[in-house]
Amino acid sequence: MKIAIVHYWLVSMRGGEKVLEELCRLYPTADIFTLVLDRDSLSPFLATRNITTSFLQRIPGIRKHYQKVLPLMPFALEHLDLSAYDLIISSESGPAKGVITRPDAVHVCYCHSPMRYVWDHYHVYRRDLPRTARMMLALFAPPLRAWDASTAARVDAFIANSHHVARRIKRYYNRDAVVIPPPVSVDDFAIQEGPKDFYLCAGQLVTYKRIDLAVRAFTQTGRNLVIIGEGPQYDRLRQIAGPTIKFLGRQPFDSMREHMARCRALIFPGEEDFGIVPLEVMASGRPVIAFDAGGAKETVPLWGGFRFPEQTVESLLAAVERYEAVEADIDSAALRRHAQGFAPDIFRARIAEFVDGCITNAGAREQPTVLEGEVVPFRPRLASDDVLVSLPVKHRASEGMSS
């Protein structure tokens, strides 16, 4: 069986790329297809894989400005030739599931989320764009939505990374999805002893993650907050931050791991599709203070985390104070055991079982229906025909029919 894995774009190593790594470990002979590639930004494991890119790769500067060619992505995706492949697994967050496959191929989509910037987060993304970009998005979003919804029919089965995303798939694609959470590299993290004197925010600095709530809350109270990450909100966040807020920008993995193990707690104020960072922090034995929505409702247990119901400074600070009242009683080992339930080997086993089931079901559907006796082929009825014959030959005489 020839296997292809289609990933939207490969320009960084984030949660979606960690899923791709585990899919490649599960299917080591699979070829990767993607819209745009920056091989230098990938892990050594992914960088050595056989990767085919779309025609967008030939555009100068595309690796940094790939988001600006969003209207071209459906065309580029459909130009990828997958006719030689029997099993296609698409990794969907940007366009990926819209590839064209053989009728007898099996197409399984692992959906991190339907494209947020044209669906439920459309207005959030649009508000932060320059005027010209806002106009362009308003122009191209409707046909992109229509294309995105229609290409759901090209998928045999959907996998969602959370129940939150499964509900989005049902709303926008009218398709059911099985939920298989993404892998968390638990063994890369460890509990550390020592002082815990700061709170932590980590991730891409974009509007919907609401890092501004944490900056305002911790500036107001004078608590120490370390922010790791980069993105379009960086300068704005620096402007509203007080002296107890420390920005570290992008950090290597060893530094990230150290900060996760040494923080008092992770502050997670946005609504995420799933959220791997909270589980990485819990694998380090530290709790999470999260907005009570999205993936956090499924990954942050009430006994090991503190959720706040509203995206306001007051609601966040109330959760911080609840946490600090019981901080000394936090069970780091229990938090780590919880995170181990999302380990990569569990992810691979569940994916393998589901995909094998899809292949088996597809094979059963393709078996021809066996009728007793000879079957006369169907042909369109003509005006001169007295009757349209499509019954087994042995039944004609008994029913008084003649050919």
Protein backbone atom coordinates (compact mmCIF):
# COMPACT_ATOMS: atom_id res chain seq x y z
CA MET A 1 0.00 0.00 0.00
CA LYS A 2 1.39 3.38 -1.00
CA ILE A 3 0.74 6.06 1.62
CA ALA A 4 0.78 9.85 1.35
CA ILE A 5 0.52 12.33 4.22
CA VAL A 6 -0.66 15.81 3.24
CA HIS A 7 0.22 18.64 5.66
CA TYR A 8 -0.92 22.21 5.06
CA TRP A 9 2.53 23.90 5.25
CA LEU A 10 5.87 23.08 6.85
CA VAL A 11 7.52 26.30 7.99
CA SER A 12 7.89 25.71 11.77
CA MET A 13 7.70 23.04 14.47
CA ARG A 14 4.46 23.48 16.39
CA GLY A 15 1.68 21.14 17.51
CA GLY A 16 0.58 20.19 14.00
CA GLU A 17 4.12 19.26 13.03
CA LYS A 18 4.47 17.10 16.16
CA VAL A 19 1.39 15.18 14.99
CA LEU A 20 3.01 14.83 11.55
CA GLU A 21 6.14 13.37 13.15
CA GLU A 22 4.13 10.66 14.89
CA LEU A 23 2.20 9.87 11.72
CA CYS A 24 5.54 9.41 9.94
CA ARG A 25 6.76 7.09 12.70
CA LEU A 26 3.57 5.08 12.36
CA TYR A 27 3.88 4.98 8.55
CA PRO A 28 7.64 5.15 7.88
CA THR A 29 7.34 4.63 4.11
CA ALA A 30 4.80 7.44 3.62
CA ASP A 31 5.62 10.38 1.36
CA ILE A 32 4.81 13.91 2.56
CA PHE A 33 3.06 16.52 0.44
CA THR A 34 2.77 20.16 1.50
CA LEU A 35 2.02 23.58 0.06
CA VAL A 36 5.16 25.38 1.27
CA LEU A 37 8.36 24.02 2.85
CA ASP A 38 11.13 25.54 4.96
CA ARG A 39 13.28 22.49 5.61
CA ASP A 40 15.64 24.39 7.90
CA SER A 41 12.77 25.04 10.35
CA LEU A 42 11.92 21.35 10.75
CA SER A 43 13.15 18.76 13.20
CA PRO A 44 15.96 16.52 11.92
CA PHE A 45 13.47 13.66 11.73
CA LEU A 46 11.10 15.53 9.40
CA ALA A 47 13.82 17.35 7.46
CA THR A 48 15.17 14.07 6.07
CA ARG A 49 11.79 12.84 4.81
CA ASN A 50 10.71 12.71 1.17
CA ILE A 51 8.66 15.92 0.85
CA THR A 52 6.90 17.18 -2.29
CA THR A 53 5.82 20.81 -2.44
CA SER A 54 3.25 22.68 -4.55
CA PHE A 55 3.93 25.29 -7.23
CA LEU A 56 3.69 27.95 -4.50
CA GLN A 57 7.20 26.95 -3.40
CA ARG A 58 8.63 28.69 -6.48
CA ILE A 59 7.34 32.13 -5.41
CA PRO A 60 10.22 34.29 -4.04
CA GLY A 61 9.97 34.84 -0.30
CA ILE A 62 7.08 32.39 0.08
CA ARG A 63 8.48 30.74 3.21
CA LYS A 64 7.94 33.92 5.21
CA HIS A 65 4.85 35.24 3.41
CA TYR A 66 2.89 32.06 2.67
CA GLN A 67 -0.23 33.38 4.42
CA LYS A 68 -0.54 36.14 1.83
CA VAL A 69 -1.24 33.62 -0.95
CA LEU A 70 -4.19 31.99 0.82
CA PRO A 71 -6.52 32.43 -2.22
CA LEU A 72 -4.10 30.38 -4.35
CA MET A 73 -3.85 27.47 -1.92
CA PRO A 74 -6.90 25.50 -3.15
CA PHE A 75 -5.49 25.57 -6.71
CA ALA A 76 -2.04 24.54 -5.48
CA LEU A 77 -3.45 21.76 -3.35
CA GLU A 78 -5.51 20.28 -6.16
CA HIS A 79 -2.44 20.26 -8.43
CA LEU A 80 -0.65 17.80 -6.13
CA ASP A 81 -0.69 14.45 -7.92
CA LEU A 82 -1.74 11.69 -5.51
CA SER A 83 -2.95 9.24 -8.14
CA ALA A 84 -0.31 6.65 -7.16
CA TYR A 85 -1.41 6.45 -3.51
CA ASP A 86 -3.81 4.01 -1.89
CA LEU A 87 -4.07 5.70 1.53
CA ILE A 88 -4.04 9.47 2.06
CA ILE A 89 -3.92 11.04 5.51
CA SER A 90 -4.45 14.78 5.45
CA SER A 91 -3.36 16.92 8.37
CA GLU A 92 -5.84 19.80 8.31
CA SER A 93 -5.62 23.24 9.87
CA GLY A 94 -4.94 25.24 6.77
CA PRO A 95 -6.10 23.71 3.47
CA ALA A 96 -5.05 20.06 3.25
CA LYS A 97 -8.10 17.83 2.93
CA GLY A 98 -9.03 19.24 -0.51
CA VAL A 99 -6.56 17.08 -2.41
CA ILE A 100 -7.90 15.00 -5.29
CA THR A 101 -7.51 11.25 -4.84
CA ARG A 102 -8.38 8.11 -6.79
CA PRO A 103 -11.96 6.87 -6.30
CA ASP A 104 -10.67 3.65 -4.74
CA ALA A 105 -8.18 5.37 -2.40
CA VAL A 106 -8.94 5.80 1.30
CA HIS A 107 -8.72 9.40 2.58
CA VAL A 108 -8.62 10.00 6.34
CA CYS A 109 -8.41 13.59 7.62
CA TYR A 110 -6.84 14.39 11.00
CA CYS A 111 -8.38 17.79 11.65
CA HIS A 112 -6.69 20.15 14.10
CA SER A 113 -9.43 22.64 13.23
CA PRO A 114 -11.39 23.87 10.22
CA MET A 115 -9.67 27.02 8.97
CA ARG A 116 -10.31 29.43 11.84
CA TYR A 117 -9.57 32.55 9.79
CA VAL A 118 -12.52 31.94 7.44
CA TRP A 119 -14.91 30.37 9.98
CA ASP A 120 -15.49 31.16 13.65
CA HIS A 121 -12.40 33.38 14.16
CA TYR A 122 -12.89 35.28 10.92
CA HIS A 123 -13.75 38.60 12.55
CA VAL A 124 -10.95 38.28 15.13
CA TYR A 125 -8.33 37.80 12.41
CA ARG A 126 -9.83 40.47 10.18
CA ARG A 127 -9.76 43.16 12.87
CA ASP A 128 -5.97 42.84 13.22
CA LEU A 129 -5.20 43.15 9.52
CA PRO A 130 -4.18 46.34 7.68
CA ARG A 131 -6.95 47.96 5.67
CA THR A 132 -5.94 46.46 2.30
CA ALA A 133 -5.57 42.99 3.79
CA ARG A 134 -8.99 43.30 5.44
CA MET A 135 -10.55 44.09 2.08
CA MET A 136 -8.79 41.17 0.42
CA LEU A 137 -9.88 38.72 3.14
CA ALA A 138 -13.48 39.95 2.88
CA LEU A 139 -13.32 39.34 -0.88
CA PHE A 140 -11.78 35.87 -0.81
CA ALA A 141 -13.30 34.42 2.38
CA PRO A 142 -16.74 33.50 0.90
CA PRO A 143 -15.37 31.37 -1.97
CA LEU A 144 -12.83 29.82 0.40
CA ARG A 145 -15.63 28.84 2.77
CA ALA A 146 -17.59 27.30 -0.08
CA TRP A 147 -14.54 25.36 -1.28
CA ASP A 148 -13.65 24.26 2.25
CA ALA A 149 -17.16 22.99 2.98
CA SER A 150 -17.53 21.22 -0.36
CA THR A 151 -14.18 19.41 -0.13
CA ALA A 152 -15.28 17.71 3.08
CA ALA A 153 -17.06 15.28 0.74
CA ARG A 154 -13.64 14.15 -0.53
CA VAL A 155 -12.82 12.67 2.90
CA ASP A 156 -13.83 9.14 3.87
CA ALA A 157 -13.45 9.69 7.63
CA PHE A 158 -12.61 12.58 9.94
CA ILE A 159 -10.54 12.49 13.12
CA ALA A 160 -10.78 15.54 15.42
CA ASN A 161 -8.11 16.41 17.96
CA SER A 162 -10.77 17.34 20.55
CA HIS A 163 -14.52 17.29 21.10
CA HIS A 164 -14.39 21.07 20.66
CA VAL A 165 -13.05 20.61 17.11
CA ALA A 166 -15.47 17.73 16.44
CA ARG A 167 -18.32 20.16 17.05
CA ARG A 168 -16.79 22.59 14.54
CA ILE A 169 -16.49 19.81 11.97
CA LYS A 170 -20.14 18.95 12.47
CA ARG A 171 -21.25 22.58 12.15
CA TYR A 172 -19.18 23.60 9.12
CA TYR A 173 -18.84 20.28 7.23
CA ASN A 174 -21.89 18.39 8.53
CA ARG A 175 -19.66 15.38 9.17
CA ASP A 176 -19.14 13.29 12.28
CA ALA A 177 -15.63 12.79 13.64
CA VAL A 178 -13.95 10.41 16.04
CA VAL A 179 -11.83 12.19 18.68
CA ILE A 180 -8.16 11.19 19.06
CA PRO A 181 -6.12 13.75 21.05
CA PRO A 182 -2.72 14.70 19.60
CA PRO A 183 0.51 13.28 21.05
CA VAL A 184 2.40 14.93 23.90
CA SER A 185 6.09 14.04 24.26
CA VAL A 186 5.77 13.45 28.00
CA ASP A 187 9.23 11.88 28.32
CA ASP A 188 10.84 15.13 27.14
CA PHE A 189 9.69 16.83 30.37
CA ALA A 190 10.42 16.17 34.02
CA ILE A 191 9.51 17.41 37.48
CA GLN A 192 12.17 19.67 39.02
CA GLU A 193 12.70 20.71 42.59
CA GLY A 194 13.59 24.26 43.51
CA PRO A 195 11.99 27.70 43.82
CA LYS A 196 9.00 28.64 41.71
CA ASP A 197 8.91 32.44 41.55
CA PHE A 198 7.19 33.33 38.26
CA TYR A 199 4.11 32.52 36.20
CA LEU A 200 4.47 31.53 32.54
CA CYS A 201 2.80 32.26 29.21
CA ALA A 202 4.10 30.38 26.17
CA GLY A 203 3.04 30.29 22.54
CA GLN A 204 2.54 32.39 19.46
CA LEU A 205 1.69 36.00 20.31
CA VAL A 206 -1.51 36.45 18.32
CA THR A 207 -4.77 38.13 19.25
CA TYR A 208 -6.99 35.12 19.90
CA LYS A 209 -4.59 33.69 22.50
CA ARG A 210 -5.41 36.70 24.71
CA ILE A 211 -1.95 37.07 26.23
CA ASP A 212 -2.95 40.69 26.81
CA LEU A 213 -5.19 39.54 29.67
CA ALA A 214 -2.24 38.02 31.48
CA VAL A 215 -0.05 41.07 30.83
CA ARG A 216 -2.68 43.46 32.22
CA ALA A 217 -3.49 41.26 35.23
CA PHE A 218 0.11 40.70 36.29
CA THR A 219 1.10 44.31 35.62
CA GLN A 220 -1.79 45.41 37.84
CA THR A 221 -0.81 43.15 40.75
CA GLY A 222 2.97 43.22 40.39
CA ARG A 223 3.29 39.44 40.02
CA ASN A 224 6.18 38.08 37.96
CA LEU A 225 5.21 36.82 34.51
CA VAL A 226 7.55 35.35 31.86
CA ILE A 227 6.33 35.32 28.26
CA ILE A 228 7.97 32.99 25.73
CA GLY A 229 7.05 33.35 22.09
CA GLU A 230 6.90 35.74 19.18
CA GLY A 231 4.26 37.03 16.83
CA PRO A 232 2.38 40.11 15.57
CA GLN A 233 1.21 41.09 19.08
CA TYR A 234 4.74 41.34 20.50
CA ASP A 235 5.18 45.12 20.24
CA ARG A 236 1.67 45.87 21.49
CA LEU A 237 2.14 43.63 24.53
CA ARG A 238 5.44 45.29 25.38
CA GLN A 239 3.71 48.67 25.36
CA ILE A 240 1.13 47.68 27.99
CA ALA A 241 3.51 45.61 30.16
CA GLY A 242 4.82 46.73 33.54
CA PRO A 243 8.26 46.02 35.05
CA THR A 244 7.32 42.56 36.36
CA ILE A 245 6.60 41.25 32.86
CA LYS A 246 9.58 39.63 31.14
CA PHE A 247 9.59 38.90 27.39
CA LEU A 248 12.04 36.22 26.24
CA GLY A 249 10.95 35.91 22.61
CA ARG A 250 11.51 32.61 20.88
CA GLN A 251 13.49 30.14 22.99
CA PRO A 252 15.25 26.83 22.28
CA PHE A 253 13.59 23.69 23.58
CA ASP A 254 15.92 23.28 26.58
CA SER A 255 15.04 26.77 27.81
CA MET A 256 11.32 26.15 27.26
CA ARG A 257 11.50 22.89 29.21
CA GLU A 258 13.34 24.59 32.08
CA HIS A 259 10.78 27.37 32.36
CA MET A 260 7.88 24.92 32.30
CA ALA A 261 9.35 22.96 35.21
CA ARG A 262 10.23 26.07 37.26
CA CYS A 263 7.07 28.16 36.87
CA ARG A 264 4.44 28.50 39.57
CA ALA A 265 1.75 27.80 36.98
CA LEU A 266 1.00 28.25 33.29
CA ILE A 267 -1.41 31.05 32.38
CA PHE A 268 -3.54 29.95 29.42
CA PRO A 269 -6.08 32.71 28.70
CA GLY A 270 -7.12 31.93 25.10
CA GLU A 271 -9.63 29.56 23.56
CA GLU A 272 -7.60 26.82 21.87
CA ASP A 273 -8.60 23.93 19.66
CA PHE A 274 -6.72 21.56 21.95
CA GLY A 275 -3.64 23.05 23.59
CA ILE A 276 -0.51 20.92 23.88
CA VAL A 277 1.41 23.43 26.03
CA PRO A 278 -0.82 22.88 29.11
CA LEU A 279 -0.13 19.15 28.94
CA GLU A 280 3.61 19.75 28.55
CA VAL A 281 3.50 21.93 31.66
CA MET A 282 1.54 19.27 33.55
CA ALA A 283 4.09 16.68 32.40
CA SER A 284 6.59 18.94 34.20
CA GLY A 285 4.47 18.70 37.36
CA ARG A 286 3.11 22.24 37.25
CA PRO A 287 -0.59 23.29 37.21
CA VAL A 288 -2.49 25.36 34.65
CA ILE A 289 -4.74 28.39 35.08
CA ALA A 290 -6.89 28.39 31.94
CA PHE A 291 -9.90 30.03 30.35
CA ASP A 292 -12.77 27.58 30.72
CA ALA A 293 -13.42 26.97 27.00
CA GLY A 294 -12.18 25.00 24.03
CA GLY A 295 -9.60 22.28 24.45
CA ALA A 296 -8.73 23.29 28.02
CA LYS A 297 -12.04 21.84 29.19
CA GLU A 298 -10.78 18.44 27.98
CA THR A 299 -7.11 18.59 29.00
CA VAL A 300 -6.99 20.57 32.26
CA PRO A 301 -8.66 18.55 35.05
CA LEU A 302 -10.46 20.50 37.73
CA TRP A 303 -8.42 18.77 40.44
CA GLY A 304 -5.15 19.86 38.82
CA GLY A 305 -5.95 23.20 37.29
CA PHE A 306 -7.93 26.34 37.81
CA ARG A 307 -10.30 27.59 35.14
CA PHE A 308 -11.82 31.05 34.91
CA PRO A 309 -15.19 31.58 33.21
CA GLU A 310 -14.71 34.97 31.53
CA GLN A 311 -11.91 36.49 29.48
CA THR A 312 -11.46 39.45 31.81
CA VAL A 313 -8.64 40.59 34.06
CA GLU A 314 -10.90 40.21 37.11
CA SER A 315 -11.88 36.63 36.28
CA LEU A 316 -8.26 35.64 35.65
CA LEU A 317 -7.03 37.22 38.89
CA ALA A 318 -9.75 35.46 40.88
CA ALA A 319 -8.47 32.11 39.55
CA VAL A 320 -4.88 33.05 40.39
CA GLU A 321 -5.89 33.85 43.96
CA ARG A 322 -7.77 30.55 44.27
CA TYR A 323 -4.68 28.75 43.10
CA GLU A 324 -2.32 30.56 45.45
CA ALA A 325 -4.52 29.63 48.41
CA VAL A 326 -3.81 25.91 47.80
CA GLU A 327 -0.50 26.15 45.93
CA ALA A 328 1.42 24.19 48.55
CA ASP A 329 -0.89 21.20 48.16
CA ILE A 330 -0.43 20.70 44.41
CA ASP A 331 0.43 17.06 43.59
CA SER A 332 3.08 17.28 40.86
CA ALA A 333 3.25 13.52 40.37
CA ALA A 334 -0.52 13.31 39.77
CA LEU A 335 -0.29 16.07 37.16
CA ARG A 336 2.43 14.17 35.35
CA ARG A 337 0.43 10.92 35.43
CA HIS A 338 -2.50 12.78 33.86
CA ALA A 339 -0.29 14.04 31.01
CA GLN A 340 1.04 10.52 30.38
CA GLY A 341 -2.42 9.57 29.13
CA PHE A 342 -1.61 11.61 26.00
CA ALA A 343 1.73 9.93 25.24
CA PRO A 344 2.80 9.37 21.60
CA ASP A 345 2.51 5.56 21.74
CA ILE A 346 -1.13 5.88 22.79
CA PHE A 347 -1.76 8.29 19.89
CA ARG A 348 -0.12 5.98 17.35
CA ALA A 349 -2.05 2.94 18.56
CA ARG A 350 -5.40 4.74 18.31
CA ILE A 351 -4.61 6.17 14.86
CA ALA A 352 -3.50 2.75 13.56
CA GLU A 353 -6.65 1.06 14.84
CA PHE A 354 -8.93 3.70 13.31
CA VAL A 355 -7.17 3.83 9.93
CA ASP A 356 -7.11 0.03 9.69
CA GLY A 357 -10.85 0.05 10.31
CA CYS A 358 -11.36 2.61 7.54
CA ILE A 359 -9.38 0.47 5.10
CA THR A 360 -11.37 -2.62 6.05
CA ASN A 361 -14.68 -0.79 5.64
CA ALA A 362 -13.62 0.62 2.28
CA GLY A 363 -12.74 -2.87 1.07
CA ALA A 364 -16.13 -4.18 2.14
CA ARG A 365 -17.93 -1.36 0.30
CA GLU A 366 -16.10 -2.12 -2.92
CA GLN A 367 -17.16 -5.78 -3.03
CA PRO A 368 -19.63 -6.28 -5.95
CA THR A 369 -23.19 -7.29 -5.16
CA VAL A 370 -23.70 -10.88 -6.32
CA LEU A 371 -27.11 -11.66 -7.85
CA GLU A 372 -28.34 -15.10 -8.75
CA GLY A 373 -28.15 -15.71 -12.49
CA GLU A 374 -26.95 -13.46 -15.30
CA VAL A 375 -27.44 -9.70 -14.94
CA VAL A 376 -28.42 -7.72 -18.02
CA PRO A 377 -26.36 -4.46 -18.10
CA PHE A 378 -28.22 -1.24 -17.55
CA ARG A 379 -28.85 0.95 -20.60
CA PRO A 380 -30.85 4.17 -20.90
CA ARG A 381 -34.44 3.76 -21.95
CA LEU A 382 -35.23 4.89 -25.49
CA ALA A 383 -38.57 6.06 -26.86
CA SER A 384 -39.01 2.79 -28.78
CA ASP A 385 -38.49 0.64 -25.71
CA ASP A 386 -41.53 -1.05 -24.25
CA VAL A 387 -39.71 -1.82 -21.04
CA LEU A 388 -36.33 -1.13 -19.44
CA VAL A 389 -34.67 -4.48 -18.76
CA SER A 390 -32.32 -4.66 -15.78
CA LEU A 391 -33.39 -7.87 -14.08
CA PRO A 392 -31.56 -11.21 -13.81
CA VAL A 393 -32.15 -13.30 -16.97
CA LYS A 394 -33.54 -16.29 -15.10
CA HIS A 395 -36.39 -14.15 -13.72
CA ARG A 396 -37.61 -12.83 -17.09
CA ALA A 397 -39.62 -15.83 -18.23
CA SER A 398 -41.36 -16.22 -14.88
CA GLU A 399 -42.41 -12.60 -14.99
CA GLY A 400 -43.57 -12.78 -18.63
CA MET A 401 -40.95 -10.34 -19.92
CA SER A 402 -39.15 -10.55 -23.25
CA SER A 403 -35.94 -8.93 -24.30
